Protein backbone atom coordinates (compact mmCIF):
# COMPACT_ATOMS: atom_id res chain seq x y z
CA MET A 1 0.00 0.00 0.00
CA SER A 2 1.45 3.37 -1.00
CA ASP A 3 1.94 6.23 1.42
CA ALA A 4 -0.72 8.26 -0.46
CA VAL A 5 -3.30 5.48 -0.07
CA THR A 6 -2.42 5.05 3.61
CA LEU A 7 -2.75 8.80 4.17
CA ALA A 8 -6.06 8.88 2.28
CA ALA A 9 -7.39 5.99 4.40
CA LYS A 10 -6.32 7.80 7.59
CA LEU A 11 -7.98 11.06 6.47
CA LEU A 12 -11.13 9.19 5.43
CA LYS A 13 -11.35 7.58 8.86
CA GLU A 14 -10.88 10.96 10.57
CA HIS A 15 -13.65 12.52 8.48
CA ARG A 16 -15.97 9.60 9.16
CA ASP A 17 -15.23 9.75 12.89
CA SER A 18 -16.12 13.46 12.83
CA ILE A 19 -19.32 12.74 10.91
CA ASP A 20 -20.27 10.08 13.47
CA ARG A 21 -19.71 12.53 16.34
CA LEU A 22 -21.71 15.23 14.58
CA ASP A 23 -24.56 12.79 13.90
CA ALA A 24 -24.68 12.00 17.62
CA ILE A 25 -24.70 15.72 18.43
CA LEU A 26 -27.58 16.26 15.99
CA VAL A 27 -29.64 13.43 17.48
CA PHE A 28 -29.11 14.55 21.08
CA THR A 29 -29.72 18.20 20.14
CA LEU A 30 -32.98 17.30 18.39
CA ALA A 31 -34.03 15.23 21.40
CA GLU A 32 -33.37 18.19 23.70
CA ARG A 33 -35.26 20.51 21.35
CA PHE A 34 -38.26 18.17 21.32
CA LYS A 35 -38.25 18.02 25.13
CA HIS A 36 -38.79 21.77 25.12
CA THR A 37 -41.37 21.72 22.35
CA ARG A 38 -43.31 19.01 24.23
CA ALA A 39 -43.34 21.29 27.26
CA VAL A 40 -44.61 24.13 25.06
CA GLY A 41 -47.28 21.82 23.65
CA LYS A 42 -48.39 20.86 27.14
CA LEU A 43 -48.61 24.52 28.17
CA LYS A 44 -50.58 25.35 25.04
CA ALA A 45 -53.00 22.50 25.69
CA GLU A 46 -53.44 23.45 29.35
CA HIS A 47 -54.22 27.06 28.41
CA ASP A 48 -56.27 26.25 25.29
CA LEU A 49 -53.80 27.96 22.96
CA PRO A 50 -53.56 27.00 19.28
CA PRO A 51 -51.01 24.29 18.43
CA SER A 52 -49.31 26.46 15.82
CA ASP A 53 -48.06 30.04 15.83
CA PRO A 54 -47.59 31.12 12.20
CA VAL A 55 -45.94 34.43 13.12
CA ARG A 56 -43.31 32.73 15.29
CA GLU A 57 -42.81 30.01 12.70
CA GLU A 58 -42.12 32.59 9.98
CA GLN A 59 -39.71 34.45 12.28
CA GLN A 60 -37.89 31.20 13.05
CA ILE A 61 -37.63 30.31 9.36
CA GLU A 62 -36.18 33.75 8.56
CA ARG A 63 -33.77 33.44 11.50
CA LEU A 64 -32.63 29.98 10.42
CA GLU A 65 -32.13 31.13 6.83
CA ARG A 66 -29.88 33.95 8.11
CA LEU A 67 -27.94 31.53 10.31
CA ALA A 68 -27.59 29.10 7.42
CA THR A 69 -26.21 31.82 5.17
CA GLU A 70 -23.71 32.82 7.88
CA ALA A 71 -22.70 29.16 8.28
CA ASP A 72 -22.33 28.65 4.51
CA LEU A 73 -25.22 26.15 4.50
CA ASP A 74 -27.85 26.19 1.77
CA PRO A 75 -30.64 28.39 3.23
CA GLU A 76 -33.28 26.46 1.28
CA PHE A 77 -32.13 23.23 2.90
CA ALA A 78 -32.23 24.91 6.32
CA LYS A 79 -35.74 26.19 5.61
CA GLU A 80 -36.98 22.76 4.54
CA PHE A 81 -35.35 21.18 7.59
CA LEU A 82 -37.00 23.66 9.97
CA ASN A 83 -40.35 23.25 8.22
CA PHE A 84 -40.09 19.51 8.80
CA ILE A 85 -39.29 20.05 12.48
CA ILE A 86 -42.13 22.56 12.86
CA SER A 87 -44.61 20.13 11.28
CA GLU A 88 -43.50 17.45 13.75
CA VAL A 89 -43.84 19.86 16.67
CA ILE A 90 -47.35 20.86 15.58
CA ARG A 91 -48.28 17.20 15.18
CA HIS A 92 -47.13 16.57 18.76
CA HIS A 93 -48.97 19.67 20.02
CA LYS A 94 -52.18 18.49 18.38
CA LYS A 95 -51.85 15.19 20.25
CA HIS A 96 -51.95 17.17 23.52
CA LYS A 97 -55.20 18.81 22.43
CA GLU A 98 -56.92 15.45 21.89
């Protein structure tokens, strides 16, 4: 095995290890986020508030698009990702209303 192949294999492993750590961070961060959104859903249900807040959702989407641009991440991807999360949160909030 040449030195270049050995170096490439080492670099590949390092990148994959970083990806694995970041995936774990994403999962635990989403879990923490959903703990808070469940608490919000419970509060909304207890106080007969609507499960969605379109004004806040739009503000959050705009905020995430700005953050994505700053982070050099495709803002459209960030928007779609947040929309998915928001739809899941609303689905959970509606469960509390039932």
